[in-house]
Amino acid sequence: LYTILKKRMNSFYAALLIMFATAFALMYFYADVQGLWYDEVYQIGYVADRSFGDMLMTYASMEEASAPLWGIISYFWYTFTPYGERLILLPSILFVLTGAVFLALAGRRLAGNVCGLFMALLAITSNVILLDCAYDFRMYSTNFLFACCILYYYIRRWQEGDKASFKTRLLLGVSMALMVYSHTLTIALCLGLFFFDVFLFIKRKIPLRFILSYLSAVALF
């Protein structure tokens, strides 16, 4: 399979695709390895048999203390998906696997193909990421995904230097905004990166437009 895919695409992406497909099959097959816990049941209670407006009010009133992005995703997914723990957890599994792809791309930029594939392998075999992100009907899978996106776009922006495209800077800001919309405590990571970039700007290590990356995050938030 690898040989066939290698003829059609870069060997790195061929290996990553096989890893992704294998991980998806195994993660989906074992998705019912643990039952739903209290927070997941509460999450279903926030979205089941409620209108979209009532669901948003649950978040606006701080009955649910987390940010609303996962509530919106879970509302539509739980409304239309058939019953079953495997299907309920499908978005979480896909978010984790997509995050692993961004980790692979980040590792590839840092130290080559082997590093990228190894970082993805660490992610999809991590007991913590599997049980607390992929197998959890809560916002932790989106936290993981957008944290990986931030890592990738931050590294990409740094490596591109003065030639960093507007798209790269914009997607970095969008990733930060979406992560904060997943869980408000993740703003600590975004603030940490912001103050680090301010320090680098003061030291004249980065241009001002790198700081402007954060404007898209603020605007979306």
N, C-alpha and C. Protein backbone atom coordinates (compact mmCIF):
# COMPACT_ATOMS: atom_id res chain seq x y z
N LEU A 1 0.83 -1.21 0.00
CA LEU A 1 0.00 0.00 0.00
C LEU A 1 0.87 1.25 0.00
N TYR A 2 1.92 1.22 0.83
CA TYR A 2 2.84 2.35 0.87
C TYR A 2 3.49 2.59 -0.48
N THR A 3 3.89 1.50 -1.15
CA THR A 3 4.53 1.62 -2.47
C THR A 3 3.58 2.24 -3.48
N ILE A 4 2.30 1.82 -3.43
CA ILE A 4 1.30 2.36 -4.36
C ILE A 4 1.08 3.84 -4.11
N LEU A 5 0.93 4.20 -2.82
CA LEU A 5 0.69 5.60 -2.48
C LEU A 5 1.90 6.47 -2.79
N LYS A 6 3.10 5.89 -2.61
CA LYS A 6 4.33 6.65 -2.85
C LYS A 6 4.44 7.07 -4.30
N LYS A 7 3.86 6.28 -5.21
CA LYS A 7 3.90 6.63 -6.63
C LYS A 7 3.01 7.83 -6.94
N ARG A 8 2.04 8.08 -6.07
CA ARG A 8 1.07 9.14 -6.32
C ARG A 8 1.32 10.40 -5.48
N MET A 9 2.12 10.25 -4.41
CA MET A 9 2.35 11.39 -3.54
C MET A 9 3.71 11.27 -2.87
N ASN A 10 4.11 12.35 -2.18
CA ASN A 10 5.35 12.37 -1.42
C ASN A 10 5.35 11.24 -0.40
N SER A 11 6.52 10.63 -0.16
CA SER A 11 6.62 9.49 0.75
C SER A 11 6.17 9.86 2.17
N PHE A 12 6.44 11.08 2.59
CA PHE A 12 6.00 11.53 3.91
C PHE A 12 4.49 11.48 4.03
N TYR A 13 3.80 12.02 3.02
CA TYR A 13 2.34 12.04 3.06
C TYR A 13 1.75 10.64 2.89
N ALA A 14 2.44 9.78 2.13
CA ALA A 14 1.98 8.39 1.99
C ALA A 14 2.03 7.68 3.34
N ALA A 15 3.14 7.85 4.06
CA ALA A 15 3.28 7.22 5.38
C ALA A 15 2.28 7.82 6.36
N LEU A 16 2.07 9.13 6.29
CA LEU A 16 1.13 9.79 7.19
C LEU A 16 -0.30 9.33 6.92
N LEU A 17 -0.65 9.15 5.67
CA LEU A 17 -1.99 8.68 5.31
C LEU A 17 -2.25 7.28 5.84
N ILE A 18 -1.27 6.39 5.70
CA ILE A 18 -1.41 5.03 6.22
C ILE A 18 -1.55 5.06 7.74
N MET A 19 -0.73 5.88 8.40
CA MET A 19 -0.80 6.01 9.85
C MET A 19 -2.18 6.53 10.28
N PHE A 20 -2.67 7.54 9.55
CA PHE A 20 -3.96 8.14 9.86
C PHE A 20 -5.08 7.11 9.71
N ALA A 21 -5.07 6.38 8.59
CA ALA A 21 -6.14 5.41 8.33
C ALA A 21 -6.12 4.28 9.35
N THR A 22 -4.92 3.79 9.69
CA THR A 22 -4.80 2.71 10.67
C THR A 22 -5.26 3.17 12.04
N ALA A 23 -4.83 4.36 12.42
CA ALA A 23 -5.22 4.90 13.73
C ALA A 23 -6.72 5.12 13.80
N PHE A 24 -7.30 5.63 12.72
CA PHE A 24 -8.75 5.86 12.72
C PHE A 24 -9.51 4.55 12.89
N ALA A 25 -9.11 3.52 12.17
CA ALA A 25 -9.80 2.23 12.26
C ALA A 25 -9.73 1.68 13.68
N LEU A 26 -8.55 1.73 14.29
CA LEU A 26 -8.39 1.18 15.64
C LEU A 26 -9.10 2.04 16.68
N MET A 27 -8.99 3.35 16.55
CA MET A 27 -9.62 4.24 17.53
C MET A 27 -11.13 4.14 17.46
N TYR A 28 -11.68 4.01 16.26
CA TYR A 28 -13.13 3.89 16.13
C TYR A 28 -13.61 2.54 16.65
N PHE A 29 -12.86 1.49 16.38
CA PHE A 29 -13.26 0.15 16.81
C PHE A 29 -13.31 0.05 18.33
N TYR A 30 -12.34 0.70 19.00
CA TYR A 30 -12.27 0.62 20.46
C TYR A 30 -12.89 1.85 21.15
N ALA A 31 -13.72 2.59 20.43
CA ALA A 31 -14.27 3.83 20.97
C ALA A 31 -15.19 3.62 22.16
N ASP A 32 -15.72 2.40 22.34
CA ASP A 32 -16.59 2.13 23.47
C ASP A 32 -15.84 1.44 24.62
N VAL A 33 -14.52 1.64 24.65
CA VAL A 33 -13.70 0.98 25.67
C VAL A 33 -14.00 1.51 27.06
N GLN A 34 -14.48 2.75 27.15
CA GLN A 34 -14.88 3.31 28.43
C GLN A 34 -16.25 3.96 28.29
N GLY A 35 -17.05 3.89 29.34
CA GLY A 35 -18.38 4.48 29.31
C GLY A 35 -18.33 6.00 29.45
N LEU A 36 -19.47 6.61 29.28
CA LEU A 36 -19.56 8.05 29.46
C LEU A 36 -19.42 8.40 30.93
N TRP A 37 -18.72 9.49 31.23
CA TRP A 37 -18.60 9.93 32.61
C TRP A 37 -19.48 11.15 32.83
N TYR A 38 -19.52 11.64 34.06
CA TYR A 38 -20.52 12.64 34.44
C TYR A 38 -20.50 13.87 33.55
N ASP A 39 -19.33 14.41 33.26
CA ASP A 39 -19.25 15.62 32.44
C ASP A 39 -19.82 15.38 31.05
N GLU A 40 -19.60 14.19 30.49
CA GLU A 40 -20.13 13.89 29.17
C GLU A 40 -21.65 13.77 29.20
N VAL A 41 -22.17 13.18 30.26
CA VAL A 41 -23.63 13.08 30.40
C VAL A 41 -24.24 14.46 30.54
N TYR A 42 -23.58 15.32 31.33
CA TYR A 42 -24.04 16.70 31.45
C TYR A 42 -24.00 17.40 30.09
N GLN A 43 -22.93 17.14 29.33
CA GLN A 43 -22.81 17.75 28.00
C GLN A 43 -23.99 17.36 27.12
N ILE A 44 -24.36 16.09 27.14
CA ILE A 44 -25.51 15.63 26.37
C ILE A 44 -26.78 16.31 26.87
N GLY A 45 -26.87 16.48 28.20
CA GLY A 45 -28.03 17.15 28.76
C GLY A 45 -28.16 18.60 28.32
N TYR A 46 -27.02 19.25 28.07
CA TYR A 46 -27.06 20.64 27.62
C TYR A 46 -27.59 20.78 26.19
N VAL A 47 -27.44 19.73 25.39
CA VAL A 47 -27.79 19.85 23.96
C VAL A 47 -29.00 19.02 23.56
N ALA A 48 -29.36 18.02 24.36
CA ALA A 48 -30.46 17.13 23.98
C ALA A 48 -31.81 17.79 24.24
N ASP A 49 -32.71 17.67 23.29
CA ASP A 49 -34.09 18.16 23.43
C ASP A 49 -34.15 19.64 23.79
N ARG A 50 -33.23 20.42 23.29
CA ARG A 50 -33.24 21.86 23.48
C ARG A 50 -33.12 22.54 22.13
N SER A 51 -33.65 23.74 22.06
CA SER A 51 -33.45 24.52 20.84
C SER A 51 -32.02 25.04 20.82
N PHE A 52 -31.58 25.46 19.64
CA PHE A 52 -30.22 25.99 19.51
C PHE A 52 -30.05 27.22 20.40
N GLY A 53 -31.07 28.07 20.45
CA GLY A 53 -31.00 29.27 21.28
C GLY A 53 -30.91 28.94 22.76
N ASP A 54 -31.69 27.95 23.21
CA ASP A 54 -31.62 27.54 24.62
C ASP A 54 -30.25 26.98 24.96
N MET A 55 -29.67 26.25 24.00
CA MET A 55 -28.34 25.70 24.24
C MET A 55 -27.32 26.82 24.41
N LEU A 56 -27.40 27.84 23.56
CA LEU A 56 -26.47 28.96 23.68
C LEU A 56 -26.66 29.71 25.00
N MET A 57 -27.91 29.83 25.45
CA MET A 57 -28.18 30.50 26.72
C MET A 57 -27.57 29.73 27.89
N THR A 58 -27.46 28.41 27.76
CA THR A 58 -26.82 27.60 28.79
C THR A 58 -25.38 28.06 28.99
N TYR A 59 -24.72 28.38 27.88
CA TYR A 59 -23.33 28.86 27.96
C TYR A 59 -23.27 30.33 28.36
N ALA A 60 -24.18 31.12 27.83
CA ALA A 60 -24.18 32.55 28.16
C ALA A 60 -24.47 32.81 29.63
N SER A 61 -25.30 31.95 30.24
CA SER A 61 -25.65 32.11 31.65
C SER A 61 -24.63 31.47 32.58
N MET A 62 -23.60 30.86 32.00
CA MET A 62 -22.54 30.19 32.75
C MET A 62 -23.03 28.97 33.52
N GLU A 63 -24.20 28.42 33.12
CA GLU A 63 -24.59 27.12 33.66
C GLU A 63 -23.56 26.08 33.26
N GLU A 64 -23.06 26.21 32.01
CA GLU A 64 -21.90 25.47 31.55
C GLU A 64 -20.76 26.47 31.46
N ALA A 65 -19.71 26.27 32.28
CA ALA A 65 -18.68 27.29 32.45
C ALA A 65 -17.68 27.36 31.30
N SER A 66 -17.65 26.37 30.42
CA SER A 66 -16.68 26.39 29.32
C SER A 66 -17.18 27.26 28.17
N ALA A 67 -16.30 27.52 27.23
CA ALA A 67 -16.65 28.32 26.04
C ALA A 67 -17.59 27.51 25.13
N PRO A 68 -18.31 28.18 24.21
CA PRO A 68 -19.43 27.53 23.51
C PRO A 68 -19.11 26.71 22.26
N LEU A 69 -17.87 26.70 21.78
CA LEU A 69 -17.60 26.04 20.50
C LEU A 69 -17.99 24.57 20.53
N TRP A 70 -17.58 23.86 21.57
CA TRP A 70 -17.91 22.44 21.63
C TRP A 70 -19.42 22.23 21.79
N GLY A 71 -20.07 23.14 22.49
CA GLY A 71 -21.51 23.05 22.62
C GLY A 71 -22.20 23.12 21.26
N ILE A 72 -21.73 24.00 20.40
CA ILE A 72 -22.31 24.13 19.05
C ILE A 72 -22.06 22.86 18.24
N ILE A 73 -20.82 22.36 18.29
CA ILE A 73 -20.49 21.13 17.55
C ILE A 73 -21.32 19.96 18.07
N SER A 74 -21.37 19.79 19.39
CA SER A 74 -22.08 18.65 19.96
C SER A 74 -23.59 18.75 19.76
N TYR A 75 -24.09 19.99 19.72
CA TYR A 75 -25.53 20.16 19.50
C TYR A 75 -25.95 19.57 18.16
N PHE A 76 -25.26 19.96 17.10
CA PHE A 76 -25.63 19.47 15.77
C PHE A 76 -25.29 17.99 15.60
N TRP A 77 -24.15 17.56 16.17
CA TRP A 77 -23.77 16.16 16.02
C TRP A 77 -24.74 15.25 16.76
N TYR A 78 -25.06 15.60 18.00
CA TYR A 78 -25.94 14.74 18.79
C TYR A 78 -27.38 14.76 18.24
N THR A 79 -27.78 15.86 17.62
CA THR A 79 -29.13 15.97 17.08
C THR A 79 -29.34 15.04 15.90
N PHE A 80 -28.31 14.89 15.07
CA PHE A 80 -28.49 14.16 13.81
C PHE A 80 -27.85 12.78 13.77
N THR A 81 -26.97 12.46 14.70
CA THR A 81 -26.31 11.17 14.63
C THR A 81 -27.15 10.09 15.29
N PRO A 82 -27.12 8.85 14.78
CA PRO A 82 -27.79 7.74 15.47
C PRO A 82 -27.12 7.47 16.81
N TYR A 83 -27.83 6.78 17.69
CA TYR A 83 -27.27 6.51 19.01
C TYR A 83 -26.14 5.49 18.93
N GLY A 84 -25.19 5.63 19.82
CA GLY A 84 -24.07 4.70 19.89
C GLY A 84 -22.81 5.44 20.29
N GLU A 85 -22.06 4.90 21.25
CA GLU A 85 -20.88 5.60 21.75
C GLU A 85 -19.83 5.81 20.67
N ARG A 86 -19.69 4.86 19.76
CA ARG A 86 -18.70 5.02 18.70
C ARG A 86 -19.04 6.24 17.85
N LEU A 87 -20.31 6.37 17.45
CA LEU A 87 -20.71 7.48 16.60
C LEU A 87 -20.69 8.80 17.37
N ILE A 88 -21.07 8.78 18.63
CA ILE A 88 -21.03 10.00 19.43
C ILE A 88 -19.61 10.54 19.51
N LEU A 89 -18.63 9.65 19.63
CA LEU A 89 -17.24 10.06 19.81
C LEU A 89 -16.51 10.31 18.49
N LEU A 90 -17.17 10.11 17.36
CA LEU A 90 -16.50 10.27 16.06
C LEU A 90 -15.89 11.65 15.86
N PRO A 91 -16.59 12.76 16.19
CA PRO A 91 -15.93 14.07 16.02
C PRO A 91 -14.66 14.19 16.86
N SER A 92 -14.70 13.71 18.09
CA SER A 92 -13.52 13.79 18.96
C SER A 92 -12.35 13.02 18.36
N ILE A 93 -12.63 11.84 17.83
CA ILE A 93 -11.58 11.03 17.21
C ILE A 93 -10.97 11.76 16.01
N LEU A 94 -11.83 12.32 15.17
CA LEU A 94 -11.34 13.01 13.97
C LEU A 94 -10.56 14.27 14.34
N PHE A 95 -11.00 14.99 15.37
CA PHE A 95 -10.26 16.19 15.79
C PHE A 95 -8.87 15.82 16.29
N VAL A 96 -8.77 14.74 17.05
CA VAL A 96 -7.47 14.30 17.56
C VAL A 96 -6.56 13.87 16.42
N LEU A 97 -7.10 13.12 15.48
CA LEU A 97 -6.28 12.68 14.34
C LEU A 97 -5.84 13.86 13.48
N THR A 98 -6.71 14.84 13.30
CA THR A 98 -6.32 16.03 12.55
C THR A 98 -5.24 16.80 13.28
N GLY A 99 -5.36 16.87 14.61
CA GLY A 99 -4.29 17.50 15.40
C GLY A 99 -2.97 16.77 15.24
N ALA A 100 -3.03 15.44 15.18
CA ALA A 100 -1.81 14.65 14.98
C ALA A 100 -1.16 14.95 13.64
N VAL A 101 -1.98 15.22 12.62
CA VAL A 101 -1.45 15.59 11.31
C VAL A 101 -0.70 16.92 11.40
N PHE A 102 -1.28 17.89 12.10
CA PHE A 102 -0.60 19.18 12.28
C PHE A 102 0.68 19.01 13.09
N LEU A 103 0.68 18.10 14.06
CA LEU A 103 1.90 17.81 14.80
C LEU A 103 2.97 17.25 13.87
N ALA A 104 2.56 16.36 12.97
CA ALA A 104 3.50 15.78 12.01
C ALA A 104 4.09 16.87 11.12
N LEU A 105 3.25 17.79 10.66
CA LEU A 105 3.73 18.88 9.81
C LEU A 105 4.67 19.80 10.57
N ALA A 106 4.36 20.04 11.85
CA ALA A 106 5.24 20.87 12.67
C ALA A 106 6.58 20.20 12.88
N GLY A 107 6.56 18.90 13.20
CA GLY A 107 7.81 18.17 13.39
C GLY A 107 8.63 18.10 12.14
N ARG A 108 7.95 17.97 11.00
CA ARG A 108 8.66 17.93 9.72
C ARG A 108 9.39 19.24 9.47
N ARG A 109 8.75 20.35 9.82
CA ARG A 109 9.40 21.65 9.64
C ARG A 109 10.58 21.82 10.58
N LEU A 110 10.49 21.23 11.76
CA LEU A 110 11.57 21.39 12.73
C LEU A 110 12.78 20.52 12.42
N ALA A 111 12.53 19.24 12.08
CA ALA A 111 13.66 18.31 11.97
C ALA A 111 13.47 17.23 10.91
N GLY A 112 12.59 17.43 9.95
CA GLY A 112 12.49 16.48 8.85
C GLY A 112 11.35 15.48 8.99
N ASN A 113 11.24 14.61 7.99
CA ASN A 113 10.13 13.68 7.88
C ASN A 113 10.03 12.70 9.06
N VAL A 114 11.16 12.15 9.48
CA VAL A 114 11.15 11.16 10.55
C VAL A 114 10.63 11.79 11.85
N CYS A 115 11.09 12.99 12.14
CA CYS A 115 10.63 13.69 13.34
C CYS A 115 9.13 13.93 13.27
N GLY A 116 8.64 14.35 12.11
CA GLY A 116 7.22 14.62 11.95
C GLY A 116 6.37 13.38 12.18
N LEU A 117 6.76 12.28 11.57
CA LEU A 117 6.01 11.03 11.73
C LEU A 117 6.09 10.52 13.17
N PHE A 118 7.23 10.71 13.80
CA PHE A 118 7.39 10.26 15.18
C PHE A 118 6.50 11.07 16.13
N MET A 119 6.40 12.37 15.89
CA MET A 119 5.53 13.21 16.72
C MET A 119 4.06 12.79 16.57
N ALA A 120 3.65 12.50 15.34
CA ALA A 120 2.27 12.04 15.12
C ALA A 120 2.04 10.70 15.81
N LEU A 121 3.03 9.81 15.74
CA LEU A 121 2.92 8.50 16.38
C LEU A 121 2.79 8.63 17.89
N LEU A 122 3.57 9.53 18.48
CA LEU A 122 3.47 9.77 19.92
C LEU A 122 2.07 10.24 20.31
N ALA A 123 1.49 11.08 19.46
CA ALA A 123 0.16 11.62 19.77
C ALA A 123 -0.91 10.55 19.72
N ILE A 124 -0.91 9.75 18.66
CA ILE A 124 -2.01 8.80 18.48
C ILE A 124 -1.85 7.55 19.34
N THR A 125 -0.70 7.39 20.00
CA THR A 125 -0.52 6.26 20.90
C THR A 125 -0.47 6.70 22.36
N SER A 126 -0.67 7.98 22.61
CA SER A 126 -0.66 8.50 23.98
C SER A 126 -1.93 8.08 24.72
N ASN A 127 -1.77 7.46 25.86
CA ASN A 127 -2.91 7.04 26.65
C ASN A 127 -3.76 8.24 27.08
N VAL A 128 -3.10 9.34 27.43
CA VAL A 128 -3.82 10.54 27.87
C VAL A 128 -4.64 11.13 26.73
N ILE A 129 -4.03 11.26 25.56
CA ILE A 129 -4.74 11.84 24.42
C ILE A 129 -5.88 10.94 23.97
N LEU A 130 -5.67 9.64 24.00
CA LEU A 130 -6.72 8.71 23.59
C LEU A 130 -7.91 8.76 24.54
N LEU A 131 -7.66 8.59 25.84
CA LEU A 131 -8.75 8.47 26.80
C LEU A 131 -9.38 9.81 27.17
N ASP A 132 -8.56 10.87 27.23
CA ASP A 132 -9.08 12.15 27.70
C ASP A 132 -9.44 13.12 26.57
N CYS A 133 -9.08 12.78 25.35
CA CYS A 133 -9.43 13.65 24.21
C CYS A 133 -10.27 12.91 23.19
N ALA A 134 -9.70 11.85 22.60
CA ALA A 134 -10.42 11.13 21.54
C ALA A 134 -11.66 10.41 22.07
N TYR A 135 -11.56 9.86 23.28
CA TYR A 135 -12.67 9.09 23.84
C TYR A 135 -13.44 9.89 24.89
N ASP A 136 -13.60 11.18 24.63
CA ASP A 136 -14.29 12.06 25.56
C ASP A 136 -15.19 13.00 24.78
N PHE A 137 -16.49 12.96 25.08
CA PHE A 137 -17.45 13.82 24.38
C PHE A 137 -17.48 15.20 25.04
N ARG A 138 -16.31 15.81 25.06
CA ARG A 138 -16.15 17.16 25.61
C ARG A 138 -15.20 17.93 24.71
N MET A 139 -14.80 19.11 25.19
CA MET A 139 -14.05 20.02 24.32
C MET A 139 -12.55 19.72 24.25
N TYR A 140 -12.09 18.69 24.91
CA TYR A 140 -10.64 18.47 24.99
C TYR A 140 -10.03 18.08 23.65
N SER A 141 -10.81 17.45 22.79
CA SER A 141 -10.28 17.11 21.47
C SER A 141 -10.05 18.36 20.62
N THR A 142 -10.95 19.34 20.73
CA THR A 142 -10.74 20.59 19.99
C THR A 142 -9.60 21.39 20.60
N ASN A 143 -9.44 21.33 21.92
CA ASN A 143 -8.29 21.97 22.55
C ASN A 143 -6.99 21.42 21.96
N PHE A 144 -6.93 20.10 21.87
CA PHE A 144 -5.74 19.46 21.32
C PHE A 144 -5.52 19.85 19.86
N LEU A 145 -6.58 19.81 19.07
CA LEU A 145 -6.48 20.16 17.65
C LEU A 145 -5.93 21.56 17.46
N PHE A 146 -6.53 22.55 18.12
CA PHE A 146 -6.12 23.93 17.88
C PHE A 146 -4.77 24.25 18.51
N ALA A 147 -4.40 23.55 19.58
CA ALA A 147 -3.06 23.70 20.12
C ALA A 147 -2.02 23.23 19.10
N CYS A 148 -2.32 22.11 18.42
CA CYS A 148 -1.42 21.61 17.37
C CYS A 148 -1.36 22.57 16.19
N CYS A 149 -2.51 23.16 15.84
CA CYS A 149 -2.54 24.15 14.77
C CYS A 149 -1.68 25.35 15.12
N ILE A 150 -1.80 25.81 16.35
CA ILE A 150 -1.00 26.96 16.80
C ILE A 150 0.48 26.64 16.72
N LEU A 151 0.86 25.46 17.19
CA LEU A 151 2.26 25.05 17.13
C LEU A 151 2.76 25.07 15.69
N TYR A 152 1.98 24.49 14.79
CA TYR A 152 2.41 24.42 13.39
C TYR A 152 2.55 25.81 12.78
N TYR A 153 1.53 26.66 12.92
CA TYR A 153 1.57 27.97 12.28
C TYR A 153 2.57 28.90 12.95
N TYR A 154 2.81 28.72 14.23
CA TYR A 154 3.83 29.53 14.91
C TYR A 154 5.22 29.19 14.37
N ILE A 155 5.49 27.89 14.26
CA ILE A 155 6.78 27.45 13.71
C ILE A 155 6.92 27.91 12.26
N ARG A 156 5.86 27.75 11.49
CA ARG A 156 5.89 28.16 10.08
C ARG A 156 6.14 29.65 9.94
N ARG A 157 5.45 30.45 10.76
CA ARG A 157 5.65 31.90 10.71
C ARG A 157 7.07 32.26 11.09
N TRP A 158 7.61 31.59 12.10
CA TRP A 158 8.98 31.87 12.54
C TRP A 158 9.98 31.51 11.45
N GLN A 159 9.80 30.38 10.81
CA GLN A 159 10.76 29.94 9.79
C GLN A 159 10.67 30.79 8.53
N GLU A 160 9.48 31.26 8.20
CA GLU A 160 9.33 32.10 7.02
C GLU A 160 9.89 33.49 7.25
N GLY A 161 9.98 33.91 8.51
CA GLY A 161 10.59 35.19 8.86
C GLY A 161 9.88 36.36 8.22
N ASP A 162 10.65 37.26 7.64
CA ASP A 162 10.08 38.45 7.01
C ASP A 162 9.18 38.12 5.82
N LYS A 163 9.32 36.92 5.29
CA LYS A 163 8.51 36.52 4.14
C LYS A 163 7.22 35.78 4.56
N ALA A 164 6.95 35.75 5.86
CA ALA A 164 5.74 35.08 6.35
C ALA A 164 4.51 35.68 5.69
N SER A 165 3.69 34.84 5.12
CA SER A 165 2.53 35.31 4.37
C SER A 165 1.42 35.76 5.31
N PHE A 166 0.53 36.58 4.78
CA PHE A 166 -0.63 37.03 5.54
C PHE A 166 -1.49 35.83 5.93
N LYS A 167 -1.58 34.83 5.06
CA LYS A 167 -2.37 33.63 5.34
C LYS A 167 -1.85 32.91 6.57
N THR A 168 -0.53 32.75 6.67
CA THR A 168 0.06 32.07 7.82
C THR A 168 -0.25 32.82 9.10
N ARG A 169 -0.08 34.15 9.07
CA ARG A 169 -0.33 34.96 10.26
C ARG A 169 -1.81 34.95 10.63
N LEU A 170 -2.67 34.98 9.62
CA LEU A 170 -4.11 34.96 9.88
C LEU A 170 -4.54 33.63 10.50
N LEU A 171 -4.06 32.51 9.94
CA LEU A 171 -4.46 31.20 10.44
C LEU A 171 -3.93 30.96 11.85
N LEU A 172 -2.79 31.55 12.18
CA LEU A 172 -2.30 31.47 13.56
C LEU A 172 -3.28 32.15 14.51
N GLY A 173 -3.74 33.34 14.13
CA GLY A 173 -4.70 34.05 14.96
C GLY A 173 -6.04 33.34 15.05
N VAL A 174 -6.50 32.79 13.93
CA VAL A 174 -7.77 32.06 13.92
C VAL A 174 -7.67 30.83 14.82
N SER A 175 -6.55 30.12 14.76
CA SER A 175 -6.36 28.94 15.61
C SER A 175 -6.42 29.32 17.09
N MET A 176 -5.82 30.44 17.44
CA MET A 176 -5.86 30.89 18.83
C MET A 176 -7.29 31.21 19.26
N ALA A 177 -8.02 31.92 18.40
CA ALA A 177 -9.39 32.28 18.74
C ALA A 177 -10.26 31.04 18.92
N LEU A 178 -10.12 30.07 18.03
CA LEU A 178 -10.93 28.86 18.12
C LEU A 178 -10.58 28.04 19.36
N MET A 179 -9.31 28.04 19.75
CA MET A 179 -8.95 27.31 20.95
C MET A 179 -9.55 27.95 22.19
N VAL A 180 -9.54 29.28 22.24
CA VAL A 180 -10.15 29.97 23.38
C VAL A 180 -11.67 29.75 23.39
N TYR A 181 -12.28 29.69 22.20
CA TYR A 181 -13.71 29.40 22.12
C TYR A 181 -14.01 27.96 22.54
N SER A 182 -12.98 27.10 22.56
CA SER A 182 -13.18 25.73 23.05
C SER A 182 -13.13 25.69 24.57
N HIS A 183 -12.17 26.40 25.14
CA HIS A 183 -12.05 26.45 26.60
C HIS A 183 -11.34 27.75 26.97
N THR A 184 -11.97 28.53 27.85
CA THR A 184 -11.45 29.87 28.15
C THR A 184 -10.08 29.83 28.82
N LEU A 185 -9.76 28.77 29.55
CA LEU A 185 -8.47 28.71 30.23
C LEU A 185 -7.30 28.65 29.26
N THR A 186 -7.57 28.25 28.01
CA THR A 186 -6.48 28.17 27.03
C THR A 186 -5.98 29.54 26.61
N ILE A 187 -6.66 30.60 27.09
CA ILE A 187 -6.17 31.94 26.79
C ILE A 187 -4.78 32.15 27.40
N ALA A 188 -4.45 31.35 28.42
CA ALA A 188 -3.14 31.46 29.05
C ALA A 188 -2.03 31.14 28.05
N LEU A 189 -2.24 30.12 27.21
CA LEU A 189 -1.26 29.78 26.17
C LEU A 189 -1.11 30.91 25.18
N CYS A 190 -2.22 31.47 24.74
CA CYS A 190 -2.19 32.56 23.76
C CYS A 190 -1.48 33.80 24.33
N LEU A 191 -1.77 34.11 25.59
CA LEU A 191 -1.11 35.26 26.23
C LEU A 191 0.38 35.00 26.39
N GLY A 192 0.74 33.76 26.69
CA GLY A 192 2.16 33.42 26.81
C GLY A 192 2.90 33.65 25.50
N LEU A 193 2.31 33.21 24.40
CA LEU A 193 2.92 33.42 23.09
C LEU A 193 2.97 34.90 22.74
N PHE A 194 1.91 35.63 23.09
CA PHE A 194 1.86 37.07 22.80
C PHE A 194 2.99 37.81 23.52
N PHE A 195 3.14 37.58 24.82
CA PHE A 195 4.17 38.27 25.59
C PHE A 195 5.57 37.85 25.13
N PHE A 196 5.72 36.60 24.72
CA PHE A 196 7.01 36.14 24.19
C PHE A 196 7.33 36.88 22.89
N ASP A 197 6.32 37.05 22.02
CA ASP A 197 6.53 37.78 20.77
C ASP A 197 6.80 39.25 21.03
N VAL A 198 6.14 39.83 22.02
CA VAL A 198 6.41 41.23 22.38
C VAL A 198 7.86 41.37 22.83
N PHE A 199 8.33 40.43 23.62
CA PHE A 199 9.73 40.43 24.07
C PHE A 199 10.67 40.35 22.87
N LEU A 200 10.37 39.45 21.92
CA LEU A 200 11.21 39.30 20.74
C LEU A 200 11.18 40.57 19.88
N PHE A 201 10.00 41.21 19.82
CA PHE A 201 9.90 42.45 19.06
C PHE A 201 10.74 43.55 19.69
N ILE A 202 10.70 43.65 21.01
CA ILE A 202 11.50 44.66 21.71
C ILE A 202 12.98 44.42 21.46
N LYS A 203 13.36 43.14 21.40
CA LYS A 203 14.75 42.79 21.12
C LYS A 203 15.08 42.86 19.62
N ARG A 204 14.09 43.27 18.84
CA ARG A 204 14.24 43.41 17.38
C ARG A 204 14.58 42.09 16.69
N LYS A 205 13.97 41.03 17.19
CA LYS A 205 14.15 39.72 16.59
C LYS A 205 13.05 39.39 15.57
N ILE A 206 11.91 40.06 15.72
CA ILE A 206 10.78 39.83 14.81
C ILE A 206 10.18 41.17 14.42
N PRO A 207 9.54 41.25 13.25
CA PRO A 207 8.92 42.50 12.82
C PRO A 207 7.57 42.73 13.51
N LEU A 208 7.08 43.94 13.43
CA LEU A 208 5.83 44.32 14.07
C LEU A 208 4.65 43.51 13.55
N ARG A 209 4.66 43.14 12.26
CA ARG A 209 3.51 42.42 11.72
C ARG A 209 3.33 41.05 12.35
N PHE A 210 4.37 40.52 13.00
CA PHE A 210 4.20 39.27 13.74
C PHE A 210 3.26 39.48 14.93
N ILE A 211 3.39 40.64 15.57
CA ILE A 211 2.51 40.96 16.69
C ILE A 211 1.08 41.12 16.20
N LEU A 212 0.94 41.62 14.99
CA LEU A 212 -0.40 41.83 14.44
C LEU A 212 -1.14 40.52 14.19
N SER A 213 -0.44 39.39 14.25
CA SER A 213 -1.10 38.10 14.13
C SER A 213 -2.20 37.93 15.16
N TYR A 214 -1.97 38.56 16.31
CA TYR A 214 -2.91 38.40 17.41
C TYR A 214 -4.17 39.23 17.24
N LEU A 215 -4.14 40.20 16.33
CA LEU A 215 -5.33 41.01 16.10
C LEU A 215 -6.49 40.19 15.56
N SER A 216 -6.18 39.21 14.68
CA SER A 216 -7.26 38.38 14.14
C SER A 216 -7.89 37.54 15.24
N ALA A 217 -7.06 37.09 16.20
CA ALA A 217 -7.60 36.32 17.33
C ALA A 217 -8.51 37.20 18.19
N VAL A 218 -8.04 38.42 18.47
CA VAL A 218 -8.83 39.35 19.29
C VAL A 218 -10.12 39.72 18.57
N ALA A 219 -10.03 39.97 17.27
CA ALA A 219 -11.22 40.35 16.50
C ALA A 219 -12.27 39.25 16.50
N LEU A 220 -11.83 38.00 16.34
CA LEU A 220 -12.76 36.88 16.33
C LEU A 220 -13.33 36.60 17.71
N PHE A 221 -12.53 36.88 18.75
CA PHE A 221 -13.00 36.61 20.11
C PHE A 221 -13.97 37.68 20.57
